[in-house]
Amino acid sequence: MNEQKIINHQAPPPRWVLKLFTKVNVIVYKLTGGRFMNKLSGMPILLVEMKGARSGKKRTIPLMCVPHGAGFLLVASQGGAPKHPVWFYNLITYPDVRITFGGKTSPMHARRVPDHEKAQFWPVCCEYYPPYQDYQTRTDRNIPVFLCEYSAV
């Protein structure tokens, strides 16, 4: 007997809903110094101020993070979607960012880690947030990881 794999995928919310939620999240996070709207799925979030890869305009988005040493790891999983999130291209094009976490904003440099280095970081990311492994299983793409470290910029 053939078993069918049943996958329970909910349709993502409309794009305008996500954009509105992101704007509200950023405003509340900034106004409260990160005391409110500072978690997503139980994970800490930070605000990343970056330039848009195409537009060059300033963008601020909330992202889940994995604290690592004095910096952070950012996982471009997008829930296991087949394409990289837009912010991936922004960080590749303009890696110097400003990160707000715990009420403190600092200049940082976001570096995509190569696969040999990702092999060290991936287990840390998955231990911190186990769904990352499910996301990697769900997609054919190699989910990128960025290491954000303090910068003098």
Protein backbone atom coordinates (compact mmCIF):
# COMPACT_ATOMS: atom_id res chain seq x y z
CA MET A 1 0.00 0.00 0.00
CA ASN A 2 1.34 3.41 -0.96
CA GLU A 3 1.37 5.96 1.80
CA GLN A 4 0.65 9.51 0.84
CA LYS A 5 2.50 12.18 2.68
CA ILE A 6 0.00 14.72 3.91
CA ILE A 7 1.46 18.16 4.25
CA ASN A 8 -0.46 20.80 6.13
CA HIS A 9 0.56 24.03 4.45
CA GLN A 10 -1.44 27.10 5.21
CA ALA A 11 -1.52 29.77 2.56
CA PRO A 12 0.67 32.68 3.61
CA PRO A 13 -1.12 35.91 4.47
CA PRO A 14 -1.39 38.52 1.71
CA ARG A 15 1.75 40.56 1.14
CA TRP A 16 0.10 43.79 2.34
CA VAL A 17 -0.70 42.14 5.69
CA LEU A 18 2.93 41.11 6.15
CA LYS A 19 4.15 44.61 5.25
CA LEU A 20 1.71 46.21 7.68
CA PHE A 21 2.67 43.81 10.48
CA THR A 22 6.36 44.50 9.82
CA LYS A 23 5.83 48.27 10.03
CA VAL A 24 3.84 47.97 13.26
CA ASN A 25 6.44 45.58 14.71
CA VAL A 26 9.29 47.99 13.95
CA ILE A 27 7.43 50.99 15.42
CA VAL A 28 6.43 49.19 18.64
CA TYR A 29 9.89 47.64 19.06
CA LYS A 30 11.56 51.05 18.68
CA LEU A 31 9.09 52.91 20.92
CA THR A 32 9.44 50.38 23.74
CA GLY A 33 13.20 49.84 23.47
CA GLY A 34 12.59 46.24 22.46
CA ARG A 35 10.38 45.39 25.45
CA PHE A 36 7.34 44.63 23.25
CA MET A 37 7.04 42.75 19.98
CA ASN A 38 10.51 41.34 20.60
CA LYS A 39 9.77 37.68 19.87
CA LEU A 40 8.47 35.63 16.97
CA SER A 41 7.54 32.00 17.55
CA GLY A 42 9.17 32.32 20.97
CA MET A 43 12.48 33.41 19.42
CA PRO A 44 14.14 36.77 20.09
CA ILE A 45 14.07 39.23 17.24
CA LEU A 46 16.18 42.21 16.40
CA LEU A 47 15.75 45.06 13.99
CA VAL A 48 18.08 45.22 11.00
CA GLU A 49 18.44 48.55 9.25
CA MET A 50 19.83 47.93 5.77
CA LYS A 51 19.85 49.34 2.27
CA GLY A 52 17.66 47.81 -0.41
CA ALA A 53 19.74 45.96 -3.01
CA ARG A 54 17.89 47.51 -5.95
CA SER A 55 16.54 50.76 -4.56
CA GLY A 56 19.35 51.74 -2.21
CA LYS A 57 16.63 52.95 0.18
CA LYS A 58 16.87 52.37 3.92
CA ARG A 59 14.81 49.42 5.15
CA THR A 60 14.26 48.27 8.72
CA ILE A 61 12.96 44.77 9.27
CA PRO A 62 12.50 42.52 12.29
CA LEU A 63 14.33 39.19 12.03
CA MET A 64 14.69 36.20 14.28
CA CYS A 65 18.24 35.84 15.50
CA VAL A 66 20.56 33.41 17.19
CA PRO A 67 22.90 35.16 19.65
CA HIS A 68 26.49 34.17 18.92
CA GLY A 69 29.42 35.52 20.92
CA ALA A 70 29.24 39.31 20.75
CA GLY A 71 27.15 39.17 17.57
CA PHE A 72 24.27 37.35 15.96
CA LEU A 73 23.52 34.67 13.41
CA LEU A 74 20.74 35.38 10.92
CA VAL A 75 19.20 32.44 9.07
CA ALA A 76 17.69 33.21 5.66
CA SER A 77 15.24 30.31 5.88
CA GLN A 78 11.99 32.02 4.91
CA GLY A 79 10.23 28.98 6.37
CA GLY A 80 11.79 26.65 3.81
CA ALA A 81 10.44 28.59 0.82
CA PRO A 82 12.08 27.82 -2.54
CA LYS A 83 13.54 31.35 -2.86
CA HIS A 84 15.78 33.40 -0.61
CA PRO A 85 14.08 36.21 1.33
CA VAL A 86 14.50 39.69 -0.15
CA TRP A 87 16.68 40.74 2.77
CA PHE A 88 19.26 38.11 1.71
CA TYR A 89 20.05 40.14 -1.43
CA ASN A 90 20.15 43.36 0.58
CA LEU A 91 22.82 41.95 2.92
CA ILE A 92 24.85 40.52 0.03
CA THR A 93 24.84 43.91 -1.74
CA TYR A 94 25.15 46.12 1.35
CA PRO A 95 26.60 44.09 4.27
CA ASP A 96 27.09 47.06 6.60
CA VAL A 97 23.94 47.33 8.72
CA ARG A 98 22.66 48.77 11.97
CA ILE A 99 21.18 46.29 14.41
CA THR A 100 18.89 47.15 17.30
CA PHE A 101 18.64 44.56 20.05
CA GLY A 102 17.62 45.04 23.65
CA GLY A 103 17.20 48.78 23.19
CA LYS A 104 20.74 49.27 21.87
CA THR A 105 21.57 50.09 18.24
CA SER A 106 25.01 49.26 16.85
CA PRO A 107 26.75 49.25 13.48
CA MET A 108 27.46 45.69 12.37
CA HIS A 109 28.83 43.87 9.37
CA ALA A 110 26.76 40.95 8.05
CA ARG A 111 28.87 38.27 6.40
CA ARG A 112 27.41 35.24 4.65
CA VAL A 113 29.31 32.30 6.04
CA PRO A 114 30.73 29.82 3.52
CA ASP A 115 29.53 26.21 3.68
CA HIS A 116 32.57 24.94 5.61
CA GLU A 117 31.90 27.54 8.31
CA LYS A 118 28.14 27.03 8.13
CA ALA A 119 28.76 23.40 9.12
CA GLN A 120 29.84 24.73 12.54
CA PHE A 121 27.00 27.23 12.91
CA TRP A 122 24.06 25.20 11.54
CA PRO A 123 23.80 22.82 14.56
CA VAL A 124 23.86 25.86 16.88
CA CYS A 125 21.04 27.48 14.90
CA CYS A 126 18.96 24.28 14.90
CA GLU A 127 19.50 23.71 18.60
CA TYR A 128 18.35 27.26 19.28
CA TYR A 129 15.35 26.95 16.94
CA PRO A 130 14.69 23.32 15.85
CA PRO A 131 12.28 24.22 12.99
CA TYR A 132 15.29 25.45 10.99
CA GLN A 133 16.14 21.81 10.24
CA ASP A 134 12.58 21.21 9.00
CA TYR A 135 12.88 24.28 6.79
CA GLN A 136 16.11 22.93 5.25
CA THR A 137 14.43 19.59 4.59
CA ARG A 138 11.50 21.38 2.96
CA THR A 139 13.61 23.20 0.34
CA ASP A 140 16.21 22.32 -2.29
CA ARG A 141 18.19 25.48 -1.65
CA ASN A 142 21.06 25.66 0.78
CA ILE A 143 19.68 27.98 3.47
CA PRO A 144 22.18 30.81 3.98
CA VAL A 145 23.48 31.90 7.37
CA PHE A 146 24.92 35.35 8.06
CA LEU A 147 27.25 36.21 10.91
CA CYS A 148 26.73 39.77 12.15
CA GLU A 149 29.67 41.23 14.02
CA TYR A 150 30.27 44.67 15.49
CA SER A 151 31.73 47.17 13.08
CA ALA A 152 33.49 50.50 13.49
CA VAL A 153 31.41 51.95 10.61
